[in-house]
Amino acid sequence: MTTATATATPCVAHLVSHSTARLQHSRAALLLHQNAAFRTKKTTKNNLSSRNTSSTIAAALPFELSPPPIDHDFLDSVTAEGAKVSEEGIIETFENDDEALDAFDNGVVVMDLSHFGRIRASGDDRIQFLHNQTTANFECLSEGQGCETVFVTPTARTIDIAYAWIMKKAVLLMVSPETCGNITEMLNKYIFFADKVEIQDITKQTCLFALSGPKSSEVMANLNLGDLVGQPYGTNRHYNVNGMPITVGVGNIISEEGFSLLTSPAAADSVWKTLLSQGAIPLGSNAWEKLRITQGRPAPGKELTNDFNVLEAGLWNSISLNKGCYKGQETISRLITYDGVKQRLWGIHLSAPAEPGSPITVNGKKVGKLTSYTTGRKECDHFALGYIKRKAASDGDTVIVGEKIIGTVVNVPFLSRQSPPPVKNSGPRLN
């Protein structure tokens, strides 16, 4: 998840405005490709899974921010197939949570993350603007690349993690559903009169799916998208699905191993069914929350609050330590220089259920706080996330949560992939 260490192949298309000529081309392409899945140029009868043509991508059709009205909504389709959808339009479960979690570990899952926020930054100054407003080094990124970045307060308290795609004329930011409105408002607030930047919330105009699991690369290859397999995290390109535009990126908001698919609501049902036809198991938001906690991804309002800074949350891969001035930089630099990171986020196996907010103690002394809890796939499994003082406990140590719940401190995958700066013999020591 490094921000700019590798150079990705540039996108072959970009966000452009609607035109009558392109609309006519779209209709013609739809008729031409109505029985295809994901297509590349000069396809033949048997080359859907061929790697020989996967690197020759046809120019994608325009990616419309205002898709045409459709008669049948994607959520209607999944509801008809048995999914439970909340009043807020979030797919809670497909009544297959254990199967889906097993597929994340051993197969491939597809998650509808359309309720997550999507913010589009455009204008000539968009790169410099985001470079100054978040922790990643956007000035080192090129079209078709991507990264994770963090929105922080001036004192480096973490607001949210964003998954960013650099496109030809815009930067797309994917954020948590509960922070999208505030982040959009905050970014607009910091646009000065002379800045050539426009910030748009395009959540309702788009749909977002995430593909994860060890077999997700096989699905991509079968759909003639194998040219993305093995590319750096955040690499993104444009394609066609049944004549409709779709943007696919390497990685997703929970894992490096997987892909993200952004499309219009008009194409969502077709894309979803295509992924299911390739063996992807659907995963709802209830299982997603279990996955988030067991993987160790911090969430706003839980691990990402005003009580904890970005270094305590362990989000090293999202932070540039050598770029110019940006919001929160002074605090981050001081914490590193003076070894000021006093606590860190851990996973904790528990002997019983526990409430978030419960104190964590060692030898009767409070050393931290529980932030998230979930049950495991078995009734006897209990897992949590929590902040613990650096010198109080480490991987494998025993702690007490609440009054008498026994906890074992463990590393979690999302945080284990983070790369703190190397320890210097003559400098401050980092955990």
Protein backbone atom coordinates (compact mmCIF):
# COMPACT_ATOMS: atom_id res chain seq x y z
CA MET A 1 0.00 0.00 0.00
CA THR A 2 2.87 2.38 -0.57
CA THR A 3 1.83 5.70 -2.00
CA ALA A 4 4.13 6.16 -4.93
CA THR A 5 6.88 3.60 -5.23
CA ALA A 6 5.73 1.90 -8.42
CA THR A 7 4.58 3.21 -11.78
CA ALA A 8 1.31 1.79 -13.07
CA THR A 9 0.10 1.66 -16.65
CA PRO A 10 -1.95 4.83 -17.33
CA CYS A 11 -5.72 4.61 -17.58
CA VAL A 12 -6.98 4.31 -21.12
CA ALA A 13 -10.02 6.52 -20.55
CA HIS A 14 -11.21 9.21 -18.19
CA LEU A 15 -14.23 10.95 -16.79
CA VAL A 16 -15.71 13.07 -19.55
CA SER A 17 -18.93 14.95 -20.11
CA HIS A 18 -21.97 13.52 -21.84
CA SER A 19 -22.40 14.06 -25.58
CA THR A 20 -24.95 12.89 -28.13
CA ALA A 21 -22.30 11.22 -30.26
CA ARG A 22 -20.98 9.19 -27.36
CA LEU A 23 -24.50 8.19 -26.35
CA GLN A 24 -25.10 6.82 -29.85
CA HIS A 25 -21.79 4.94 -29.62
CA SER A 26 -22.85 3.55 -26.23
CA ARG A 27 -26.10 2.20 -27.65
CA ALA A 28 -24.32 0.62 -30.58
CA ALA A 29 -21.75 -0.96 -28.30
CA LEU A 30 -24.48 -2.30 -26.04
CA LEU A 31 -26.06 -4.13 -28.98
CA LEU A 32 -22.68 -5.36 -30.15
CA HIS A 33 -21.66 -6.69 -26.73
CA GLN A 34 -25.00 -7.64 -25.20
CA ASN A 35 -23.90 -11.24 -24.60
CA ALA A 36 -20.35 -10.44 -23.47
CA ALA A 37 -18.98 -10.12 -19.97
CA PHE A 38 -15.87 -7.94 -19.64
CA ARG A 39 -14.53 -7.31 -23.19
CA THR A 40 -11.27 -6.29 -24.75
CA LYS A 41 -10.56 -5.38 -28.37
CA LYS A 42 -10.71 -8.09 -31.07
CA THR A 43 -12.25 -10.79 -28.87
CA THR A 44 -12.97 -14.19 -30.38
CA LYS A 45 -15.37 -16.93 -29.48
CA ASN A 46 -13.14 -18.64 -26.92
CA ASN A 47 -10.93 -15.88 -25.56
CA LEU A 48 -12.97 -14.67 -22.60
CA SER A 49 -10.36 -16.08 -20.24
CA SER A 50 -7.43 -15.71 -22.61
CA ARG A 51 -4.41 -13.84 -21.29
CA ASN A 52 -3.24 -13.13 -24.85
CA THR A 53 -5.73 -10.32 -25.33
CA SER A 54 -6.17 -9.13 -21.76
CA SER A 55 -3.47 -6.47 -22.05
CA THR A 56 -5.09 -4.83 -25.11
CA ILE A 57 -7.88 -2.79 -23.57
CA ALA A 58 -10.56 -1.21 -25.71
CA ALA A 59 -11.18 2.47 -25.07
CA ALA A 60 -13.84 2.67 -22.40
CA LEU A 61 -17.08 4.46 -22.97
CA PRO A 62 -17.75 7.73 -21.13
CA PHE A 63 -18.23 7.28 -17.40
CA GLU A 64 -21.42 9.25 -16.78
CA LEU A 65 -21.91 10.82 -13.34
CA SER A 66 -25.65 11.08 -14.03
CA PRO A 67 -26.67 7.66 -15.39
CA PRO A 68 -29.96 7.30 -17.25
CA PRO A 69 -33.01 6.21 -15.26
CA ILE A 70 -33.58 2.48 -15.05
CA ASP A 71 -36.70 0.43 -14.45
CA HIS A 72 -35.23 -2.06 -12.00
CA ASP A 73 -32.99 -1.16 -9.10
CA PHE A 74 -30.01 -3.31 -8.03
CA LEU A 75 -31.32 -3.59 -4.47
CA ASP A 76 -34.65 -4.82 -5.81
CA SER A 77 -32.79 -7.65 -7.54
CA VAL A 78 -30.87 -8.83 -4.48
CA THR A 79 -33.97 -8.49 -2.29
CA ALA A 80 -35.89 -10.71 -4.69
CA GLU A 81 -33.10 -13.25 -4.36
CA GLY A 82 -33.40 -13.36 -0.56
CA ALA A 83 -31.05 -10.65 0.70
CA LYS A 84 -32.08 -8.63 3.75
CA VAL A 85 -31.80 -4.90 3.01
CA SER A 86 -32.08 -2.19 5.68
CA GLU A 87 -34.21 0.95 5.39
CA GLU A 88 -31.00 2.83 4.60
CA GLY A 89 -30.42 0.64 1.54
CA ILE A 90 -27.60 -1.44 3.03
CA ILE A 91 -27.50 -5.18 2.29
CA GLU A 92 -27.25 -6.63 5.80
CA THR A 93 -27.05 -10.32 5.00
CA PHE A 94 -27.58 -12.94 2.34
CA GLU A 95 -28.27 -15.45 5.15
CA ASN A 96 -24.88 -17.00 4.41
CA ASP A 97 -22.50 -15.17 6.76
CA ASP A 98 -20.38 -18.19 7.75
CA GLU A 99 -20.09 -19.36 4.14
CA ALA A 100 -19.09 -15.88 3.01
CA LEU A 101 -16.44 -15.48 5.72
CA ASP A 102 -15.01 -18.88 4.80
CA ALA A 103 -14.90 -17.79 1.13
CA PHE A 104 -12.94 -14.68 2.12
CA ASP A 105 -10.26 -16.97 3.57
CA ASN A 106 -10.37 -19.76 1.00
CA GLY A 107 -12.24 -18.63 -2.11
CA VAL A 108 -13.66 -15.32 -3.31
CA VAL A 109 -16.39 -12.99 -2.02
CA VAL A 110 -18.10 -9.95 -3.49
CA MET A 111 -19.33 -7.17 -1.21
CA ASP A 112 -21.70 -4.34 -2.10
CA LEU A 113 -20.05 -1.25 -0.59
CA SER A 114 -22.26 1.23 -2.42
CA HIS A 115 -23.27 2.80 0.90
CA PHE A 116 -19.64 3.88 1.41
CA GLY A 117 -18.91 7.45 0.35
CA ARG A 118 -17.36 8.45 -2.98
CA ILE A 119 -15.94 11.93 -3.38
CA ARG A 120 -14.69 13.30 -6.72
CA ALA A 121 -12.02 16.02 -6.68
CA SER A 122 -11.51 17.78 -10.02
CA GLY A 123 -9.86 20.95 -11.30
CA ASP A 124 -6.27 21.84 -12.18
CA ASP A 125 -5.20 22.18 -8.52
CA ARG A 126 -6.78 18.95 -7.24
CA ILE A 127 -3.48 17.08 -6.72
CA GLN A 128 -1.79 19.84 -4.75
CA PHE A 129 -5.00 20.44 -2.79
CA LEU A 130 -5.33 16.81 -1.65
CA HIS A 131 -1.57 16.67 -1.06
CA ASN A 132 -2.00 19.48 1.49
CA GLN A 133 -5.20 18.17 3.06
CA THR A 134 -4.28 14.51 3.67
CA THR A 135 -1.31 12.43 4.78
CA ALA A 136 -0.28 10.73 1.49
CA ASN A 137 2.12 12.12 -1.11
CA PHE A 138 -0.25 12.80 -4.01
CA GLU A 139 2.37 14.75 -5.97
CA CYS A 140 4.33 11.52 -6.51
CA LEU A 141 1.36 9.73 -8.05
CA SER A 142 0.50 9.50 -11.74
CA GLU A 143 -2.66 8.81 -13.69
CA GLY A 144 -3.77 5.23 -13.16
CA GLN A 145 -2.12 4.92 -9.75
CA GLY A 146 -3.71 5.03 -6.31
CA CYS A 147 -3.05 4.95 -2.58
CA GLU A 148 -4.53 5.04 0.87
CA THR A 149 -4.49 8.38 2.62
CA VAL A 150 -5.82 9.66 5.94
CA PHE A 151 -7.91 12.69 6.78
CA VAL A 152 -6.70 14.08 10.10
CA THR A 153 -7.34 17.06 12.33
CA PRO A 154 -4.63 19.73 12.82
CA THR A 155 -3.50 17.73 15.88
CA ALA A 156 -3.27 14.48 13.83
CA ARG A 157 -6.39 12.91 15.30
CA THR A 158 -7.78 10.56 12.69
CA ILE A 159 -11.04 11.33 10.89
CA ASP A 160 -11.04 8.53 8.32
CA ILE A 161 -8.97 6.45 5.90
CA ALA A 162 -9.59 7.10 2.21
CA TYR A 163 -8.84 4.82 -0.75
CA ALA A 164 -7.84 7.09 -3.66
CA TRP A 165 -7.68 6.60 -7.44
CA ILE A 166 -5.80 9.06 -9.65
CA MET A 167 -7.61 9.52 -12.97
CA LYS A 168 -6.93 11.75 -15.97
CA LYS A 169 -9.13 14.64 -14.90
CA ALA A 170 -10.12 13.76 -11.34
CA VAL A 171 -9.19 11.99 -8.12
CA LEU A 172 -11.76 9.62 -6.65
CA LEU A 173 -11.80 9.16 -2.87
CA MET A 174 -13.66 6.27 -1.22
CA VAL A 175 -14.46 6.91 2.45
CA SER A 176 -16.65 5.50 5.21
CA PRO A 177 -20.40 6.18 4.97
CA GLU A 178 -20.53 8.09 8.25
CA THR A 179 -17.76 10.54 7.31
CA CYS A 180 -18.52 11.29 3.66
CA GLY A 181 -20.72 14.32 4.30
CA ASN A 182 -18.36 15.88 6.84
CA ILE A 183 -15.28 15.29 4.68
CA THR A 184 -17.00 16.79 1.63
CA GLU A 185 -17.98 19.84 3.69
CA MET A 186 -14.48 20.12 5.19
CA LEU A 187 -12.75 19.96 1.79
CA ASN A 188 -15.05 22.60 0.34
CA LYS A 189 -14.32 24.79 3.35
CA TYR A 190 -10.59 24.74 2.62
CA ILE A 191 -10.89 25.69 -1.05
CA PHE A 192 -9.59 29.26 -1.37
CA PHE A 193 -10.83 31.76 -3.92
CA ALA A 194 -7.97 31.20 -6.37
CA ASP A 195 -7.94 27.40 -6.05
CA LYS A 196 -9.04 25.52 -9.14
CA VAL A 197 -10.69 22.66 -7.27
CA GLU A 198 -14.18 21.23 -7.27
CA ILE A 199 -15.41 18.70 -4.72
CA GLN A 200 -18.46 16.53 -5.48
CA ASP A 201 -20.16 13.78 -3.52
CA ILE A 202 -20.99 11.22 -6.24
CA THR A 203 -22.09 8.41 -3.92
CA LYS A 204 -25.65 8.28 -5.23
CA GLN A 205 -24.54 8.42 -8.86
CA THR A 206 -22.29 5.35 -8.60
CA CYS A 207 -22.12 1.82 -7.19
CA LEU A 208 -19.09 0.19 -5.57
CA PHE A 209 -18.32 -3.53 -5.26
CA ALA A 210 -15.30 -5.15 -3.60
CA LEU A 211 -13.89 -8.51 -4.64
CA SER A 212 -11.71 -10.30 -2.07
CA GLY A 213 -10.23 -13.69 -1.32
CA PRO A 214 -7.33 -15.82 -2.61
CA LYS A 215 -9.24 -16.75 -5.78
CA SER A 216 -10.18 -13.19 -6.75
CA SER A 217 -7.32 -13.02 -9.27
CA GLU A 218 -8.73 -16.10 -11.01
CA VAL A 219 -12.07 -14.34 -11.39
CA MET A 220 -10.35 -11.31 -12.88
CA ALA A 221 -8.48 -13.46 -15.39
CA ASN A 222 -11.66 -15.29 -16.38
CA LEU A 223 -13.33 -11.94 -17.06
CA ASN A 224 -10.46 -10.79 -19.27
CA LEU A 225 -9.22 -8.36 -16.60
CA GLY A 226 -6.07 -10.31 -15.83
CA ASP A 227 -3.85 -7.37 -16.83
CA LEU A 228 -4.56 -5.89 -13.38
CA VAL A 229 -3.41 -8.99 -11.50
CA GLY A 230 -0.06 -8.35 -9.82
CA GLN A 231 -0.21 -4.58 -10.31
CA PRO A 232 0.55 -2.22 -7.39
CA TYR A 233 -2.14 -1.41 -4.85
CA GLY A 234 -4.42 1.33 -6.14
CA THR A 235 -3.72 0.78 -9.85
CA ASN A 236 -6.96 1.59 -11.69
CA ARG A 237 -8.18 1.28 -15.27
CA HIS A 238 -11.37 1.67 -17.28
CA TYR A 239 -13.21 -1.13 -19.09
CA ASN A 240 -16.56 -2.00 -20.66
CA VAL A 241 -19.13 -4.43 -19.31
CA ASN A 242 -21.90 -5.11 -21.78
CA GLY A 243 -21.07 -1.82 -23.44
CA MET A 244 -21.21 0.13 -20.16
CA PRO A 245 -18.20 1.78 -18.49
CA ILE A 246 -16.64 0.36 -15.34
CA THR A 247 -13.52 1.33 -13.42
CA VAL A 248 -11.57 -1.46 -11.70
CA GLY A 249 -8.84 -0.92 -9.11
CA VAL A 250 -6.32 -3.19 -7.41
CA GLY A 251 -7.08 -3.76 -3.74
CA ASN A 252 -10.01 -2.52 -1.71
CA ILE A 253 -10.74 -0.80 1.55
CA ILE A 254 -10.09 -3.91 3.65
CA SER A 255 -7.35 -5.78 1.83
CA GLU A 256 -4.51 -5.52 -0.65
CA GLU A 257 -5.55 -8.91 -2.04
CA GLY A 258 -8.59 -8.13 -4.09
CA PHE A 259 -10.16 -5.57 -6.39
CA SER A 260 -12.68 -2.73 -6.38
CA LEU A 261 -15.25 -2.17 -9.12
CA LEU A 262 -16.92 1.22 -9.64
CA THR A 263 -19.86 1.44 -12.02
CA SER A 264 -23.09 3.29 -12.70
CA PRO A 265 -26.34 2.07 -11.11
CA ALA A 266 -27.52 1.13 -14.61
CA ALA A 267 -24.74 -1.47 -14.92
CA ALA A 268 -24.64 -2.63 -11.29
CA ASP A 269 -27.02 -5.57 -11.61
CA SER A 270 -25.19 -6.92 -14.67
CA VAL A 271 -21.77 -6.60 -13.02
CA TRP A 272 -23.00 -8.23 -9.80
CA LYS A 273 -24.53 -11.22 -11.59
CA THR A 274 -21.40 -11.64 -13.70
CA LEU A 275 -19.26 -11.86 -10.55
CA LEU A 276 -21.64 -14.36 -8.97
CA SER A 277 -21.53 -16.46 -12.13
CA GLN A 278 -17.77 -16.72 -11.64
CA GLY A 279 -18.20 -18.28 -8.21
CA ALA A 280 -18.00 -15.18 -5.99
CA ILE A 281 -19.98 -15.60 -2.75
CA PRO A 282 -22.02 -12.50 -1.74
CA LEU A 283 -21.17 -11.01 1.65
CA GLY A 284 -23.47 -8.64 3.55
CA SER A 285 -22.71 -5.81 5.97
CA ASN A 286 -23.15 -7.96 9.09
CA ALA A 287 -20.39 -10.30 7.95
CA TRP A 288 -18.42 -7.28 6.72
CA GLU A 289 -18.32 -5.86 10.25
CA LYS A 290 -17.01 -9.16 11.61
CA LEU A 291 -14.42 -9.16 8.85
CA ARG A 292 -13.40 -5.57 9.55
CA ILE A 293 -12.74 -6.31 13.21
CA THR A 294 -10.94 -9.62 12.73
CA GLN A 295 -8.82 -8.10 9.95
CA GLY A 296 -8.05 -5.10 12.17
CA ARG A 297 -9.22 -2.24 9.96
CA PRO A 298 -9.91 0.86 12.12
CA ALA A 299 -13.32 2.51 11.70
CA PRO A 300 -14.58 6.05 12.40
CA GLY A 301 -16.30 6.47 15.74
CA LYS A 302 -14.58 3.36 17.09
CA GLU A 303 -10.82 3.27 16.51
CA LEU A 304 -10.68 6.57 14.62
CA THR A 305 -11.75 9.27 17.07
CA ASN A 306 -10.39 12.38 18.77
CA ASP A 307 -8.97 10.11 21.48
CA PHE A 308 -6.34 8.57 19.19
CA ASN A 309 -3.86 9.92 16.65
CA VAL A 310 -2.97 8.48 13.26
CA LEU A 311 0.28 6.87 14.47
CA GLU A 312 -1.42 5.15 17.39
CA ALA A 313 -3.89 3.73 14.84
CA GLY A 314 -0.84 2.28 13.05
CA LEU A 315 -1.66 3.70 9.60
CA TRP A 316 1.96 4.05 8.50
CA ASN A 317 1.40 3.08 4.87
CA SER A 318 -0.91 6.05 4.43
CA ILE A 319 1.54 8.62 5.76
CA SER A 320 4.33 10.41 3.91
CA LEU A 321 7.17 11.29 6.27
CA ASN A 322 9.10 13.43 3.80
CA LYS A 323 6.60 15.52 1.83
CA GLY A 324 5.94 19.21 2.34
CA CYS A 325 3.56 20.87 4.75
CA TYR A 326 0.14 19.31 5.25
CA LYS A 327 -2.55 19.30 7.89
CA GLY A 328 -1.36 17.45 11.01
CA GLN A 329 2.26 17.24 9.84
CA GLU A 330 3.72 19.18 12.76
CA THR A 331 2.15 16.87 15.32
CA ILE A 332 3.12 13.73 13.39
CA SER A 333 6.73 14.90 13.05
CA ARG A 334 6.93 15.72 16.75
CA LEU A 335 5.52 12.33 17.75
CA ILE A 336 8.15 10.57 15.65
CA THR A 337 11.05 12.80 16.68
CA TYR A 338 10.35 12.55 20.41
CA ASP A 339 9.08 8.94 20.43
CA GLY A 340 5.65 10.19 21.43
CA VAL A 341 3.56 7.21 20.32
CA LYS A 342 2.45 5.89 23.70
CA GLN A 343 -0.17 3.33 22.69
CA ARG A 344 -1.12 1.21 19.68
CA LEU A 345 -4.05 -0.73 18.29
CA TRP A 346 -4.17 -4.51 18.76
CA GLY A 347 -6.46 -7.46 18.13
CA ILE A 348 -7.61 -9.31 21.25
CA HIS A 349 -8.99 -12.85 21.54
CA LEU A 350 -11.51 -12.83 24.42
CA SER A 351 -12.84 -15.54 26.73
CA ALA A 352 -16.33 -13.99 26.73
CA PRO A 353 -18.34 -11.16 25.14
CA ALA A 354 -17.24 -7.63 26.05
CA GLU A 355 -18.62 -4.14 25.53
CA PRO A 356 -16.68 -1.54 23.52
CA GLY A 357 -15.37 1.06 25.93
CA SER A 358 -14.47 -1.54 28.55
CA PRO A 359 -11.12 -0.89 30.26
CA ILE A 360 -8.13 -3.11 29.55
CA THR A 361 -5.96 -3.83 32.57
CA VAL A 362 -2.69 -5.55 33.39
CA ASN A 363 -1.91 -6.43 37.03
CA GLY A 364 -4.88 -4.34 38.12
CA LYS A 365 -3.67 -1.21 36.29
CA LYS A 366 -5.61 0.28 33.41
CA VAL A 367 -3.53 0.20 30.24
CA GLY A 368 -6.07 0.69 27.46
CA LYS A 369 -9.61 0.58 26.13
CA LEU A 370 -11.66 -1.81 23.99
CA THR A 371 -12.98 -0.16 20.82
CA SER A 372 -14.78 -2.88 18.79
CA TYR A 373 -16.17 -6.35 19.52
CA THR A 374 -17.59 -9.21 17.44
CA THR A 375 -18.51 -12.83 17.84
CA GLY A 376 -16.62 -15.41 15.83
CA ARG A 377 -17.99 -18.10 13.53
CA LYS A 378 -18.42 -20.34 16.57
CA GLU A 379 -20.45 -19.26 19.59
CA CYS A 380 -17.41 -19.67 21.81
CA ASP A 381 -15.25 -17.32 19.70
CA HIS A 382 -14.99 -13.68 20.73
CA PHE A 383 -12.73 -11.08 19.17
CA ALA A 384 -12.07 -7.39 19.72
CA LEU A 385 -9.89 -4.44 18.87
CA GLY A 386 -8.43 -2.15 21.47
CA TYR A 387 -5.72 0.39 22.22
CA ILE A 388 -3.05 -0.68 24.71
CA LYS A 389 -0.07 1.26 26.07
CA ARG A 390 3.10 0.29 24.28
CA LYS A 391 5.06 -0.97 27.26
CA ALA A 392 2.09 -2.71 28.91
CA ALA A 393 1.51 -5.62 26.52
CA SER A 394 2.55 -7.08 23.20
CA ASP A 395 1.72 -9.97 20.87
CA GLY A 396 0.82 -13.09 22.88
CA ASP A 397 0.47 -11.33 26.25
CA THR A 398 -2.56 -11.73 28.52
CA VAL A 399 -4.75 -8.81 29.58
CA ILE A 400 -8.01 -8.43 31.49
CA VAL A 401 -10.97 -6.73 29.81
CA GLY A 402 -13.64 -5.30 32.08
CA GLU A 403 -13.73 -7.05 35.44
CA LYS A 404 -12.69 -10.60 34.60
CA ILE A 405 -12.71 -11.33 30.87
CA ILE A 406 -9.38 -12.83 29.81
CA GLY A 407 -7.86 -11.48 26.61
CA THR A 408 -4.89 -12.55 24.51
CA VAL A 409 -3.20 -9.81 22.50
CA VAL A 410 -2.62 -10.69 18.83
CA ASN A 411 -1.50 -9.07 15.60
CA VAL A 412 -4.18 -8.49 12.96
CA PRO A 413 -3.65 -8.65 9.16
CA PHE A 414 -4.53 -5.07 8.20
CA LEU A 415 -2.20 -3.53 10.78
CA SER A 416 0.52 -6.15 10.28
CA ARG A 417 0.91 -4.95 6.69
CA GLN A 418 1.73 -1.42 7.83
CA SER A 419 5.41 -0.44 7.58
CA PRO A 420 6.73 1.88 10.29
CA PRO A 421 10.01 3.66 9.53
CA PRO A 422 13.13 1.64 10.44
CA VAL A 423 14.57 2.09 13.93
CA LYS A 424 17.66 4.27 13.98
CA ASN A 425 20.43 3.34 16.37
CA SER A 426 21.08 6.95 17.32
CA GLY A 427 17.53 8.21 17.23
CA PRO A 428 14.25 7.73 19.09
CA ARG A 429 12.98 4.17 19.31
CA LEU A 430 9.64 3.32 17.72
CA ASN A 431 7.62 0.23 18.58
